[in-house]
Every structure is written in structure tokens, then in C-alpha cells.
Protein backbone atom coordinates (compact mmCIF):
# COMPACT_ATOMS: atom_id res chain seq x y z
CA MET A 1 0.00 0.00 0.00
CA GLU A 2 2.99 2.24 0.50
CA GLU A 3 3.23 2.56 -3.30
CA ILE A 4 0.03 4.60 -3.54
CA GLY A 5 0.77 8.29 -3.51
CA LYS A 6 4.48 7.77 -3.11
CA SER A 7 6.62 10.37 -4.84
CA ALA A 8 8.91 8.44 -7.13
CA GLY A 9 11.63 11.04 -7.18
CA SER A 10 11.62 11.94 -3.49
CA SER A 11 15.06 10.55 -2.48
CA PHE A 12 17.81 13.04 -3.31
CA SER A 13 19.95 15.63 -1.59
CA LYS A 14 19.42 19.42 -1.57
CA GLU A 15 22.26 19.83 -4.08
CA GLN A 16 20.66 17.30 -6.42
CA LYS A 17 17.27 18.99 -6.02
CA GLN A 18 18.81 22.31 -7.11
CA ILE A 19 20.50 20.64 -10.10
CA TYR A 20 17.30 18.94 -11.25
CA LYS A 21 15.34 22.17 -10.86
CA GLU A 22 17.84 24.08 -13.01
CA TRP A 23 17.76 21.34 -15.63
CA PHE A 24 13.97 21.26 -15.64
CA ASN A 25 13.73 25.05 -16.10
CA LEU A 26 16.24 24.80 -18.95
CA ALA A 27 14.45 21.90 -20.64
CA ASP A 28 10.94 23.37 -20.23
CA SER A 29 11.12 25.50 -23.36
CA ASP A 30 7.95 27.56 -22.80
CA GLY A 31 8.19 27.79 -18.98
CA ASP A 32 4.72 26.34 -18.32
CA GLY A 33 5.95 23.70 -15.85
CA ARG A 34 5.41 20.87 -18.36
CA PHE A 35 8.25 18.93 -19.96
CA THR A 36 6.66 17.71 -23.21
CA GLY A 37 7.69 15.10 -25.77
CA ASN A 38 9.25 17.81 -27.99
CA ASP A 39 11.30 19.06 -25.04
CA ALA A 40 12.36 15.47 -24.29
CA THR A 41 13.71 14.68 -27.76
CA LYS A 42 16.11 17.64 -27.51
CA PHE A 43 17.09 17.34 -23.84
CA PHE A 44 17.37 13.55 -23.51
CA ALA A 45 19.61 13.43 -26.58
CA MET A 46 22.41 14.78 -24.34
CA SER A 47 22.32 11.52 -22.34
CA ASN A 48 23.65 9.48 -25.33
CA LEU A 49 21.25 6.63 -24.48
CA SER A 50 19.70 4.53 -27.24
CA ARG A 51 16.24 5.31 -28.56
CA GLN A 52 14.92 2.08 -27.00
CA GLN A 53 16.28 3.06 -23.56
CA LEU A 54 14.80 6.57 -23.82
CA LYS A 55 11.46 5.07 -24.86
CA GLN A 56 11.50 3.04 -21.64
CA VAL A 57 12.56 6.08 -19.56
CA TRP A 58 9.59 8.10 -20.84
CA ALA A 59 7.12 5.21 -20.43
CA LEU A 60 8.14 4.68 -16.78
CA ALA A 61 8.33 8.38 -15.86
CA ASP A 62 5.00 9.29 -17.52
CA SER A 63 3.18 6.44 -15.73
CA LYS A 64 -0.11 8.40 -15.75
CA ARG A 65 0.12 8.83 -19.55
CA GLN A 66 -0.54 12.56 -19.35
CA GLY A 67 1.73 13.31 -22.30
CA PHE A 68 4.10 15.49 -20.25
CA LEU A 69 6.35 15.34 -17.17
CA GLY A 70 6.05 17.65 -14.17
CA LEU A 71 9.10 18.36 -11.99
CA THR A 72 8.62 15.18 -9.88
CA GLU A 73 8.28 12.96 -12.97
CA PHE A 74 11.25 14.75 -14.58
CA VAL A 75 13.41 13.90 -11.55
CA THR A 76 12.27 10.26 -11.84
CA ALA A 77 13.24 10.32 -15.54
CA MET A 78 16.68 11.71 -14.68
CA GLN A 79 17.22 8.99 -12.06
CA LEU A 80 16.23 6.37 -14.64
CA VAL A 81 18.64 7.88 -17.19
CA SER A 82 21.41 7.69 -14.57
CA LEU A 83 20.60 4.03 -13.84
CA ALA A 84 20.55 3.21 -17.57
CA GLN A 85 23.94 4.88 -18.01
CA ALA A 86 25.25 2.71 -15.16
CA GLY A 87 24.14 -0.39 -17.08
CA HIS A 88 20.92 -1.20 -15.19
CA GLU A 89 18.02 -2.67 -17.14
CA LEU A 90 14.94 -0.43 -17.03
CA THR A 91 11.77 -2.26 -15.93
CA PRO A 92 8.63 -1.19 -13.97
CA ASP A 93 10.41 -2.42 -10.81
CA THR A 94 13.34 -0.07 -11.47
CA ILE A 95 11.23 2.97 -10.59
CA LYS A 96 10.59 1.54 -7.11
CA THR A 97 14.33 0.95 -6.67
CA ALA A 98 15.19 4.43 -7.96
CA SER A 99 12.91 6.06 -5.41
CA LYS A 100 14.66 4.25 -2.53
CA MET A 101 18.25 4.80 -3.70
CA GLU A 102 19.49 8.08 -2.33
CA ASP A 103 22.88 7.53 -3.99
CA VAL A 104 21.49 7.72 -7.55
CA LYS A 105 23.57 10.61 -8.86
CA PRO A 106 22.47 12.99 -11.60
CA PRO A 107 23.18 11.52 -15.05
CA LEU A 108 25.95 12.64 -17.40
CA MET A 109 24.45 15.06 -19.93
CA ASP A 110 26.79 16.19 -22.73
CA GLY A 111 26.96 19.98 -23.05
CA ILE A 112 24.59 20.70 -20.16
CA ASP A 113 27.00 23.07 -18.40
CA ALA A 114 27.50 25.17 -21.53
CA LEU A 115 23.74 25.40 -22.04
CA LEU A 116 23.18 26.43 -18.41
CA ALA A 117 25.88 29.13 -18.68
CA LYS A 118 24.37 30.41 -21.93
CA ASN A 119 20.88 30.46 -20.37
CA LYS A 120 22.19 32.35 -17.35
CA SER A 121 23.93 34.99 -19.46
CA SER A 122 20.84 35.49 -21.64
CA ARG A 123 18.75 36.10 -18.49
CA ILE A 124 21.27 38.74 -17.33
CA SER A 125 21.07 40.40 -20.76
CA GLU A 126 17.29 40.48 -20.55
CA ASN A 127 17.48 42.27 -17.21
CA ASP A 128 19.94 44.81 -18.66
CA ILE A 129 17.60 45.73 -21.52
CA ASN A 130 14.47 45.72 -19.38
CA GLY A 131 13.99 49.44 -19.92
CA SER A 132 14.05 49.12 -23.70
CA THR A 133 11.59 46.21 -23.50
CA GLN A 134 9.16 48.43 -21.63
CA LEU A 135 9.62 51.08 -24.35
CA ARG A 136 8.83 48.54 -27.10
CA LEU A 137 5.69 47.50 -25.26
CA SER A 138 4.50 51.08 -25.01
CA THR A 139 4.94 51.57 -28.76
CA GLY A 140 2.91 48.46 -29.53
CA THR A 141 5.72 46.07 -30.56
CA PRO A 142 4.91 42.60 -29.20
CA GLN A 143 7.32 41.22 -26.60
CA VAL A 144 9.08 37.97 -27.47
CA GLY A 145 7.57 35.12 -25.48
CA ALA A 146 4.52 37.18 -24.45
CA LYS A 147 1.36 35.08 -24.44
CA SER A 148 -1.19 36.03 -27.04
CA SER A 149 -4.84 36.42 -26.12
CA ARG A 150 -5.84 34.80 -29.43
CA LYS A 151 -7.34 31.33 -29.32
CA MET A 152 -4.54 28.77 -29.59
CA PRO A 153 -4.86 25.92 -32.10
CA LEU A 154 -5.35 22.39 -30.78
CA ASN A 155 -1.74 21.45 -31.57
CA ALA A 156 -0.57 24.20 -29.19
CA VAL A 157 -2.00 22.56 -26.03
CA THR A 158 0.54 20.92 -23.73
CA SER A 159 -1.41 17.95 -22.33
CA ILE A 160 -4.13 15.49 -23.30
CA ILE A 161 -6.48 16.89 -20.63
CA ASP A 162 -6.03 20.47 -21.94
CA GLY A 163 -6.80 19.17 -25.43
CA LEU A 164 -10.01 17.52 -24.21
CA LYS A 165 -11.05 20.77 -22.49
CA ARG A 166 -10.56 22.66 -25.77
CA LEU A 167 -12.50 20.06 -27.78
CA TYR A 168 -15.33 20.07 -25.24
CA ILE A 169 -15.74 23.87 -25.31
CA GLU A 170 -15.48 24.17 -29.10
CA LYS A 171 -17.25 21.02 -30.34
CA LEU A 172 -19.26 19.11 -27.73
CA LYS A 173 -20.62 21.79 -25.38
CA PRO A 174 -22.57 23.64 -28.13
CA LEU A 175 -24.37 20.38 -29.03
CA GLU A 176 -25.15 19.63 -25.36
CA ALA A 177 -26.50 23.14 -24.72
CA THR A 178 -28.62 23.17 -27.90
CA TYR A 179 -30.46 19.92 -27.07
CA ARG A 180 -30.65 20.37 -23.25
CA PHE A 181 -28.34 17.39 -22.57
CA ASN A 182 -27.54 18.92 -19.18
CA ASP A 183 -31.20 18.66 -18.07
CA PHE A 184 -31.81 15.13 -19.31
CA VAL A 185 -28.52 13.31 -18.79
CA SER A 186 -25.62 15.12 -17.11
CA PRO A 187 -24.72 18.72 -16.16
CA LEU A 188 -22.34 20.64 -18.42
CA LEU A 189 -18.68 19.99 -17.60
CA THR A 190 -16.38 22.57 -16.02
CA ASN A 191 -12.57 22.78 -15.88
CA SER A 192 -12.61 21.23 -12.40
CA ASP A 193 -14.33 18.11 -13.82
CA PHE A 194 -11.34 17.57 -16.14
CA ASP A 195 -8.69 18.42 -13.52
CA ALA A 196 -10.19 16.43 -10.61
CA ARG A 197 -8.26 13.56 -9.07
CA PRO A 198 -9.58 10.05 -9.79
CA MET A 199 -12.39 8.99 -7.43
CA VAL A 200 -13.22 5.73 -5.65
CA MET A 201 -16.78 5.25 -4.29
CA LEU A 202 -17.74 2.76 -1.58
CA LEU A 203 -21.28 1.34 -1.56
CA GLY A 204 -22.97 -1.18 0.70
CA GLN A 205 -25.62 -1.76 3.35
CA TYR A 206 -25.02 -0.26 6.77
CA SER A 207 -22.27 -1.81 8.93
CA THR A 208 -20.53 -3.64 6.06
CA GLY A 209 -17.31 -1.81 6.93
CA LYS A 210 -17.18 1.06 4.41
CA THR A 211 -15.77 3.72 6.76
CA THR A 212 -13.50 1.13 8.42
CA PHE A 213 -12.19 0.23 4.94
CA ILE A 214 -11.25 3.89 4.36
CA LYS A 215 -9.58 4.00 7.79
CA HIS A 216 -7.65 0.85 6.83
CA LEU A 217 -6.41 2.52 3.62
CA LEU A 218 -5.47 5.82 5.26
CA ARG A 219 -4.17 4.20 8.49
CA CYS A 220 -6.21 6.81 10.38
CA ASN A 221 -9.74 8.25 10.64
CA TYR A 222 -10.75 11.06 8.31
CA PRO A 223 -12.27 14.23 9.88
CA GLY A 224 -15.84 13.54 11.01
CA ALA A 225 -15.66 9.75 10.54
CA HIS A 226 -17.97 7.65 12.75
CA ILE A 227 -17.72 3.86 13.03
CA GLY A 228 -20.22 1.61 14.84
CA PRO A 229 -22.59 -1.37 14.45
CA GLU A 230 -25.58 0.93 13.84
CA PRO A 231 -25.95 3.10 10.65
CA THR A 232 -23.33 5.72 11.57
CA THR A 233 -22.50 7.41 8.24
CA ASP A 234 -25.72 9.29 7.47
CA ARG A 235 -24.30 11.43 4.67
CA PHE A 236 -22.16 11.41 1.55
CA VAL A 237 -18.59 12.29 2.53
CA VAL A 238 -15.92 13.10 -0.06
CA VAL A 239 -12.51 12.45 1.51
CA MET A 240 -9.87 14.46 -0.35
CA SER A 241 -6.45 16.05 0.00
CA GLY A 242 -6.10 19.36 1.84
CA HIS A 243 -3.48 21.41 3.71
CA ASP A 244 -5.11 20.78 7.09
CA GLU A 245 -7.80 18.58 8.62
CA ARG A 246 -11.30 20.05 8.30
CA SER A 247 -14.89 19.30 7.27
CA ILE A 248 -16.60 21.54 4.70
CA PRO A 249 -20.45 21.63 4.52
CA GLY A 250 -22.11 20.48 1.29
CA ASN A 251 -23.54 23.87 0.25
CA THR A 252 -20.05 25.40 0.42
CA VAL A 253 -18.45 22.51 -1.50
CA ALA A 254 -21.02 22.71 -4.32
CA VAL A 255 -20.22 26.36 -5.12
CA GLN A 256 -16.41 26.07 -5.09
CA ALA A 257 -15.12 26.41 -8.64
CA ASP A 258 -11.99 24.34 -7.97
CA MET A 259 -14.04 21.29 -6.91
CA PRO A 260 -15.94 19.05 -9.37
CA PHE A 261 -19.19 18.97 -7.37
CA SER A 262 -21.20 21.91 -8.74
CA GLY A 263 -23.53 19.45 -10.55
CA LEU A 264 -24.82 18.24 -7.16
CA THR A 265 -26.81 21.48 -6.68
CA HIS A 266 -29.33 19.84 -9.04
CA PHE A 267 -30.37 17.51 -6.15
CA GLY A 268 -31.42 20.43 -3.93
CA GLY A 269 -30.81 21.64 -0.41
CA ALA A 270 -32.14 18.44 1.22
CA PHE A 271 -29.26 16.51 -0.33
CA LEU A 272 -26.59 19.21 0.20
CA SER A 273 -27.36 19.16 3.93
CA LYS A 274 -26.44 15.45 3.84
CA PHE A 275 -23.21 16.04 1.91
CA GLU A 276 -19.81 17.19 3.13
CA CYS A 277 -16.14 17.19 2.23
CA ALA A 278 -13.45 15.94 4.64
CA GLN A 279 -10.00 17.32 3.84
CA MET A 280 -6.70 16.12 5.28
CA PRO A 281 -3.05 15.95 4.22
CA HIS A 282 -2.26 12.37 3.12
CA PRO A 283 -0.07 10.90 0.33
CA LEU A 284 -2.86 8.55 -0.83
CA LEU A 285 -5.32 11.46 -1.11
CA ASP A 286 -2.79 13.34 -3.27
CA GLU A 287 -3.50 10.65 -5.87
CA ILE A 288 -7.16 9.67 -5.38
CA THR A 289 -10.36 11.01 -3.77
CA ILE A 290 -12.56 8.60 -1.78
CA VAL A 291 -16.37 8.86 -1.57
CA ASP A 292 -17.98 7.37 1.57
CA THR A 293 -21.73 6.85 1.27
CA PRO A 294 -24.63 6.28 3.71
CA GLY A 295 -25.52 2.62 4.30
CA VAL A 296 -28.13 1.34 1.86
CA LEU A 297 -31.38 0.67 3.74
CA SER A 298 -32.82 -2.81 4.27
CA GLY A 299 -35.83 -4.42 6.00
CA GLU A 300 -38.36 -2.08 7.64
CA LYS A 301 -36.05 0.93 7.21
CA GLN A 302 -36.81 0.89 3.46
CA ARG A 303 -40.33 2.08 4.22
CA THR A 304 -38.85 5.41 5.35
CA GLN A 305 -38.31 7.59 2.30
CA ARG A 306 -35.15 9.66 2.04
CA SER A 307 -35.59 13.41 1.56
CA TYR A 308 -33.56 13.39 -1.68
CA ASP A 309 -33.05 11.23 -4.79
CA PHE A 310 -30.57 8.71 -3.33
CA THR A 311 -30.20 6.55 -6.45
CA GLY A 312 -29.87 9.71 -8.60
CA VAL A 313 -26.95 10.90 -6.47
CA ILE A 314 -25.31 7.45 -6.64
CA SER A 315 -25.71 7.50 -10.44
CA TRP A 316 -24.12 11.00 -10.61
CA PHE A 317 -21.10 9.88 -8.57
CA ALA A 318 -20.84 6.59 -10.52
CA ALA A 319 -20.37 8.51 -13.78
CA LYS A 320 -17.55 10.56 -12.18
CA CYS A 321 -15.80 7.71 -10.36
CA ASP A 322 -12.94 5.57 -11.64
CA LEU A 323 -13.69 2.64 -9.33
CA ILE A 324 -16.86 1.55 -7.46
CA LEU A 325 -16.49 -0.88 -4.56
CA LEU A 326 -19.62 -2.81 -3.50
CA LEU A 327 -19.05 -4.03 0.06
CA PHE A 328 -20.85 -7.07 1.48
CA ASP A 329 -20.82 -8.67 4.92
CA PRO A 330 -21.14 -12.51 5.25
CA HIS A 331 -24.08 -11.91 7.62
CA LYS A 332 -25.84 -9.38 5.29
CA LEU A 333 -26.05 -11.04 1.89
CA ASP A 334 -29.69 -10.18 1.21
CA ILE A 335 -29.89 -7.50 -1.47
CA SER A 336 -32.69 -5.14 -0.38
CA ASP A 337 -35.03 -3.33 -2.77
CA GLU A 338 -33.10 -0.08 -2.31
CA PHE A 339 -29.81 -1.86 -2.93
CA LYS A 340 -31.28 -3.33 -6.14
CA ARG A 341 -32.21 0.17 -7.28
CA VAL A 342 -28.72 1.43 -6.38
CA ILE A 343 -27.01 -1.35 -8.37
CA ALA A 344 -29.41 -0.72 -11.29
CA SER A 345 -28.41 2.97 -11.23
CA LEU A 346 -24.80 1.91 -11.92
CA ARG A 347 -25.84 0.78 -15.42
CA GLY A 348 -23.26 1.79 -18.00
CA ASN A 349 -20.45 1.77 -15.43
CA ASP A 350 -20.10 -2.02 -15.10
CA ASP A 351 -16.37 -1.94 -15.92
CA LYS A 352 -15.73 0.17 -12.80
CA ILE A 353 -17.48 -2.15 -10.32
CA ARG A 354 -15.53 -4.41 -7.94
CA VAL A 355 -17.21 -6.52 -5.23
CA VAL A 356 -15.62 -6.86 -1.78
CA LEU A 357 -16.74 -9.61 0.61
CA ASN A 358 -15.57 -7.98 3.83
CA LYS A 359 -15.28 -9.45 7.37
CA ALA A 360 -14.69 -12.88 5.80
CA ASP A 361 -12.66 -14.02 8.83
CA GLN A 362 -15.87 -14.04 10.92
CA VAL A 363 -17.03 -17.32 9.34
CA ASP A 364 -15.25 -20.67 9.02
CA THR A 365 -14.01 -22.25 5.78
CA GLN A 366 -17.19 -24.22 5.01
CA GLN A 367 -19.47 -21.26 5.71
CA LEU A 368 -17.29 -18.95 3.59
CA MET A 369 -17.65 -21.19 0.54
CA ARG A 370 -21.44 -21.19 0.98
CA VAL A 371 -21.49 -17.42 1.52
CA TYR A 372 -19.41 -16.87 -1.65
CA GLY A 373 -21.80 -19.02 -3.69
CA ALA A 374 -24.87 -17.27 -2.27
CA LEU A 375 -23.33 -13.84 -3.02
CA MET A 376 -22.57 -14.72 -6.65
CA TRP A 377 -26.12 -16.08 -7.09
CA SER A 378 -27.68 -12.89 -5.61
CA LEU A 379 -25.48 -10.61 -7.74
CA GLY A 380 -26.24 -12.61 -10.89
CA LYS A 381 -29.97 -11.94 -10.43
CA VAL A 382 -29.49 -8.20 -9.84
CA LEU A 383 -26.80 -7.38 -12.41
CA ASN A 384 -28.43 -9.39 -15.24
CA THR A 385 -25.10 -10.20 -16.89
CA PRO A 386 -23.69 -13.64 -17.75
CA GLU A 387 -20.15 -12.49 -16.89
CA VAL A 388 -18.85 -13.26 -13.41
CA MET A 389 -17.88 -10.11 -11.50
CA ARG A 390 -14.52 -9.90 -9.70
CA VAL A 391 -14.98 -10.51 -5.97
CA TYR A 392 -12.26 -9.74 -3.42
CA ILE A 393 -12.47 -11.76 -0.20
CA GLY A 394 -10.84 -10.44 2.97
CA SER A 395 -11.09 -8.59 6.23
CA PHE A 396 -10.29 -4.96 5.57
CA ASN A 397 -9.68 -3.50 9.01
CA ASP A 398 -6.77 -2.94 11.38
CA LYS A 399 -7.57 -5.93 13.61
CA PRO A 400 -5.57 -9.14 13.14
CA ILE A 401 -7.37 -11.91 11.22
CA ASN A 402 -9.45 -14.19 13.48
CA GLU A 403 -7.36 -17.38 13.34
CA GLU A 404 -9.97 -19.42 15.24
CA THR A 405 -12.27 -19.40 12.21
CA ALA A 406 -9.74 -18.78 9.40
CA SER A 407 -7.28 -21.58 8.61
CA GLN A 408 -3.68 -20.92 7.51
CA MET A 409 -4.72 -21.42 3.88
CA PHE A 410 -7.45 -18.78 4.20
CA CYS A 411 -5.08 -16.35 5.95
CA GLU A 412 -2.83 -16.58 2.88
CA LEU A 413 -5.87 -16.16 0.59
CA PHE A 414 -6.99 -13.03 2.47
CA GLU A 415 -3.50 -11.56 2.17
CA LYS A 416 -3.31 -12.24 -1.59
CA GLU A 417 -6.82 -10.85 -2.15
CA GLN A 418 -5.98 -7.73 -0.14
CA ASN A 419 -2.81 -7.21 -2.19
CA ASP A 420 -4.78 -7.62 -5.44
CA LEU A 421 -7.31 -5.02 -4.36
CA LEU A 422 -4.58 -2.61 -3.27
CA MET A 423 -2.87 -3.07 -6.66
CA ASP A 424 -6.20 -2.18 -8.30
CA LEU A 425 -6.15 1.05 -6.26
CA VAL A 426 -2.46 1.68 -7.10
CA ASP A 427 -3.31 1.48 -10.81
CA ILE A 428 -6.11 4.07 -10.62
CA PRO A 429 -3.89 7.18 -10.97
CA LYS A 430 -1.95 5.46 -13.80
CA LYS A 431 -5.17 4.78 -15.70
CA ALA A 432 -6.86 8.11 -14.85
CA CYS A 433 -5.99 9.85 -18.13
CA ASP A 434 -7.15 6.85 -20.20
CA ARG A 435 -10.37 6.81 -18.15
CA ARG A 436 -10.95 10.54 -18.82
CA ILE A 437 -10.63 9.93 -22.57
CA ASN A 438 -12.96 6.93 -22.35
CA GLU A 439 -15.61 8.89 -20.40
CA PHE A 440 -15.29 11.86 -22.77
CA VAL A 441 -15.89 9.67 -25.85
CA LYS A 442 -18.79 7.93 -24.06
CA ARG A 443 -20.30 11.33 -23.22
CA ALA A 444 -19.90 12.56 -26.82
CA ARG A 445 -21.76 9.51 -28.15
CA ALA A 446 -24.51 9.94 -25.55
CA ALA A 447 -24.87 13.65 -26.49
CA LYS A 448 -25.15 12.72 -30.17
CA MET A 449 -27.82 10.13 -29.44
CA HIS A 450 -29.69 12.64 -27.25
CA ALA A 451 -29.63 15.17 -30.13
CA TYR A 452 -31.11 12.55 -32.49
CA ILE A 453 -33.92 11.75 -29.99
CA ILE A 454 -34.82 15.41 -29.25
CA SER A 455 -34.76 16.45 -32.93
CA HIS A 456 -36.89 13.41 -33.87
CA LEU A 457 -39.52 14.35 -31.28
CA LYS A 458 -39.49 17.94 -32.59
CA LYS A 459 -39.98 16.65 -36.16
CA GLU A 460 -43.05 14.64 -35.08
CA MET A 461 -44.81 17.76 -33.71
CA PRO A 462 -47.51 19.45 -35.87
CA ALA A 463 -46.92 22.96 -37.20
CA ILE A 464 -50.03 24.60 -35.71
CA MET A 465 -52.93 22.51 -34.31
CA GLY A 466 -52.98 19.70 -31.72
CA LYS A 467 -49.57 20.25 -30.16
CA ALA A 468 -50.55 19.27 -26.61
CA LYS A 469 -52.27 16.08 -27.78
CA THR A 470 -49.31 15.07 -29.97
CA GLN A 471 -46.84 15.75 -27.16
CA GLN A 472 -48.78 13.47 -24.80
CA ARG A 473 -48.94 10.74 -27.45
CA LEU A 474 -45.18 10.96 -28.04
CA ILE A 475 -44.45 10.74 -24.31
CA ASP A 476 -46.84 7.79 -23.83
CA ASN A 477 -45.27 5.91 -26.76
CA LEU A 478 -41.68 7.00 -26.09
CA GLU A 479 -40.31 3.45 -26.39
CA ASP A 480 -41.70 3.23 -29.93
CA GLU A 481 -40.17 6.62 -30.78
CA PHE A 482 -36.78 5.37 -29.50
CA ALA A 483 -37.14 2.37 -31.85
CA LYS A 484 -37.80 4.71 -34.79
CA VAL A 485 -34.66 6.75 -33.97
CA GLN A 486 -32.67 3.53 -33.65
CA ARG A 487 -33.75 2.33 -37.10
CA GLU A 488 -33.29 5.71 -38.79
CA PHE A 489 -29.75 6.35 -37.53
CA HIS A 490 -28.62 2.69 -37.03
CA LEU A 491 -27.89 3.13 -33.32
CA PRO A 492 -27.28 0.31 -30.79
CA ALA A 493 -30.41 -0.38 -28.68
CA GLY A 494 -28.39 -0.81 -25.46
CA ASP A 495 -27.11 2.79 -25.60
CA PHE A 496 -30.55 4.43 -25.33
CA PRO A 497 -31.42 6.22 -22.06
CA ASN A 498 -33.85 4.91 -19.46
CA VAL A 499 -37.37 5.42 -20.88
CA GLU A 500 -39.08 6.20 -17.54
CA HIS A 501 -36.48 8.80 -16.53
CA PHE A 502 -36.64 10.41 -19.98
CA LYS A 503 -40.46 10.61 -19.78
CA GLU A 504 -40.24 12.21 -16.35
CA VAL A 505 -37.93 15.00 -17.56
CA LEU A 506 -39.74 15.41 -20.88
CA ASN A 507 -43.02 16.16 -19.08
CA GLY A 508 -41.54 19.46 -17.90
CA TYR A 509 -40.81 20.69 -21.43
CA SER A 510 -42.70 21.79 -24.50
CA ILE A 511 -41.35 19.56 -27.31
CA ASP A 512 -42.34 22.20 -29.86
CA LYS A 513 -39.67 24.53 -28.48
CA PHE A 514 -36.85 22.01 -29.05
CA GLU A 515 -34.36 22.51 -31.88
CA LYS A 516 -34.43 20.67 -35.21
CA LEU A 517 -31.46 18.47 -36.12
CA LYS A 518 -28.39 20.54 -36.97
CA PRO A 519 -26.18 18.36 -39.22
CA LYS A 520 -23.18 20.73 -38.89
CA MET A 521 -23.12 20.25 -35.10
CA ILE A 522 -23.36 16.46 -35.47
CA GLN A 523 -20.60 16.52 -38.10
CA ALA A 524 -18.37 18.58 -35.79
CA VAL A 525 -18.72 15.93 -33.06
CA ASP A 526 -18.13 13.13 -35.62
CA ASP A 527 -14.94 14.87 -36.79
CA MET A 528 -13.86 15.26 -33.18
CA LEU A 529 -14.37 11.53 -32.49
CA GLY A 530 -12.97 10.28 -35.78
CA TYR A 531 -10.04 12.62 -36.32
CA GLU A 532 -9.25 15.20 -33.64
CA ILE A 533 -9.17 12.93 -30.56
CA PRO A 534 -6.94 10.32 -32.31
CA GLU A 535 -4.65 13.16 -33.46
CA LEU A 536 -4.53 14.57 -29.92
CA LEU A 537 -3.54 11.16 -28.50
CA LYS A 538 -0.99 10.69 -31.26
CA SER A 539 0.67 14.03 -30.49
CA PHE A 540 1.08 13.11 -26.80
CA ARG A 541 2.19 9.50 -27.13
CA ASN A 542 5.69 8.38 -26.15
CA PRO A 543 8.03 10.60 -28.25
CA TYR A 544 10.27 7.59 -28.87
CA ALA A 545 7.50 5.17 -29.89
């Protein structure tokens, strides 16, 4: 678990830190704090390593596949270059070794001293002619290196995420706004949605060990955490990185521009009063954000209605999350009606779901095998998929495993399962950029389909008479209208939205006021999916590939 959130290039002296910082500033040609592939091809050439070695250096240093290196990743790259020069083979395990070896010296870079001296003298010259620069500015001559306010072309962005932001604003957002995608499916995206850390959500009935699981990961309680046999977590808590330990109320969190939770205002004040953010400094939280949820109700408690749309909130978080953990207790295998609705609301995010059978040391070997079989049978009925879902078995808390019930073989199994789950969590930051691209493409396809549906309904409306009657007929027969859209545009049936939810939202609108199909907008999104996104990924792939 120590690997999560660990800074790969954290072991070096003050002198080495200064050297690496000077090198990074020299190599970062535009001074934006990002060492890109173009910068790498020039700078790494001074190491005299082979192209194959440099390909491996970049692949290991840019483990998150962002398409650039920050200062920390740059230091890791330099340590790897040094190890390669010393004759070490570069493998994924090398990066772990490099981070522990304080005696990894800076690599030999041909001509680096001359370049540093030249850079230093040019900075002195700039200071000397500062007065004349000011004069040029006043007469309207543009300063060299000054940033233009003109819109930059896509090939000028310095990361994949920045490229996706640009494509969203220019191509996808106009389509979403035109056909009210934000009201029917998902709120419009903001910069904070793109920049947010990857999220992990924990779901389960009360007392299945969700908050204890988080405590086990963090090795401490988060601010405001409550653990007990009764339903103790009565709210949604986002546990994220912060400078100090504090809890922020939901209404405050939802209006902060630097947090990706503004879309939650849609669920109203009743929900926001049951939502909060717990911030604390922690290396794991520098890499991922954890979402703790209220226990799903079962038995008689289900008769009590919540004051907000619980499954709607779960669905909103599911779309944002990179991993969803469903926690079960061997003594609580019954899947309640509310839990069924919750699992159904995860539709479309099946690849993110992992099942955890927690507190498995509380039953003996024979009982555990029966419990596992019963859990798989229950899940098979609810998920409606022939594929078997990955289930991790273990006891995720700080107490030692109960050896009275768990044999030596099962103790080893629990340890292996725990390590597998932790490796899944370790991989989240590495896969975050790929996940962002995947979700962006999925969203673009959903927005296109939504535009087809809305424009079809608009086309079916009469020009003058009988609008109200026609609207009601279209809403009542919405499933048939979806089938018409599917046939007309050759769309996959499984990608269509939930009919009942769509009807519910549609009732609040006048279909006649919707927009007709705008082929240019659709074509712009098609071009984005077919050409611009592949080109963006190509421009930020490994520069030595």
C-alpha cells in the first residue's frame, strides 16, 4: 500500500534537487511547468542513451500517460537515465528501486553546463535591456515570449487533458447546450471536472465496513468519521487532500469552482445538507479522492423515504468515479429493494465495479464457501449479466485476522486478495488519463444520441394545431419513438437512455420549443471523435514510440 501516492523522485539531496530544478527550467522550453515530448527529444539526446532506452525512460516516468512530465516525474526520468547509463536494465520495478536509492547521482548530460551558462547569461542580458523592452511594449511592438490572447490551435496545447477541455468547449458543449443534454442526462462539464483527481466510491448496506475500509487505507480516521454497528455514516462524505484537517459543509463545496461537485446542486438543499467534504493531508489522497456513502437501507427501514433522490446521487457519482467498490458482509447477503435500485443505477459503469466480501474471517471455511456461492447467485440476479464479477475476499480493518475461524490457507488467501485489491487502487492514478478519454468519448456519443432523440420528437410535432395532444402521445409511446430513432440512424439499442427517466424529464418541457437536427453540429462531433481525438492522442504519445 505504500506505493500509492508515493513520490517516485523523493530521495535526493538538496544539491541534487537544485541541479534537477535548473535542468527542468532549462528543458521546459515555454516555462509552463510541463516537460513535453518535444522538449524530451532535444534534452534527452544529451544523455547518449539509445532510442529504446529513452522510450522506456519516458514510459516509466509518464506512468499516468498525461503526455508530459512535471518536476517530480522529470526527476524520476533523470534517475532512470542515470541508472541506464550505469548499465541497469529499465523495468517497472526499477522505478521503485530508484525512489529508494538516495545515492542515484544525476546523469551525465553532454553539453549541459555550456547550455546552463548560456541560459544564465541570456537572463542577465534580458534584465539589462528591461527598460528598452518596456519602451517597445508602449509603442505596440509585441514582446518575445509574451502570451497572445488569441485562441490557440489544438496542436498548441501541452497535455491530453487540456486538449479535451478545448475540444469540449469548441465542439461538444454547443451540441449539449442546444439539445438540453444537461437537463436530461448530465450537467455541463467545467474545468474542475477535467482536472479532478480520480475517485473511488464505496457502496454497501449499513455496517458492512465502508468507513473502516477507508480507515484501513489511510491508516487513520478522516475528519468527522464515525464507526459503529448501527448506521453511523448518514451522509455522503468526499474524503480528499487538503493542507489541514477540516470538514466543509455540502452547500459550500457545491459552489467552489476548484471542486468538481457543482452538478450536485441539481439535487437540492435536502441533499446538500447530507453532503460534506473531509479534507486532510495524506499521500494517498494526493493521488485519489474517496467517496464514503450512507448505508443502503434494508428491511423495515426501506419504508422510510429519504428526503432526496438517493439513487440519482449514486448514479451521478458513478459517472464521475474511476472505481466503485460494492461491500458485502457474510451476515448481510440479502440484497434489499433499495440496494437493487442502487445497483441498477450503476448501469453503463459495469467496468468500474468491484465486489468486496468484507469481514470474511468471521465465518469458518465451510461457511465462507457457501457465503461466496450465495453472493454470486444474488449478484447474478441483480446485475443481469452472464459475466462473473470480480470478488475480493478479505477482512479490511486494522484488527488481526481471526485465526480461530480462518485456517492458515485462508489467511494466505486473504493476504493475496488484499494485495490484489490494493494493486487495483495503485493502478487508478496510472489509468486516470485513459479513463478521462474513455468517459469523454462515451459522453460525446450519448450527447449525439440525445440530439437525435430530441430532434426526432421535434420533427413529429404538428406545425399549428394539436400540439398538446401530440406531445402526450409521443411521451406515452416513447419506447416506440426510440425504436424509430434507432432504425433511422442505425444506433445500438443498449445505448438508449432509461425510458421512464426520460419521460419524467420530458413532461416538464414543450417539445415544440426544441431545436431541429443541426447536421453541422453532429458533423463537428463526428470529426472530433474520428479525427481530432486520435490526433490529440498521437501528439502526446511516447516521443520515442
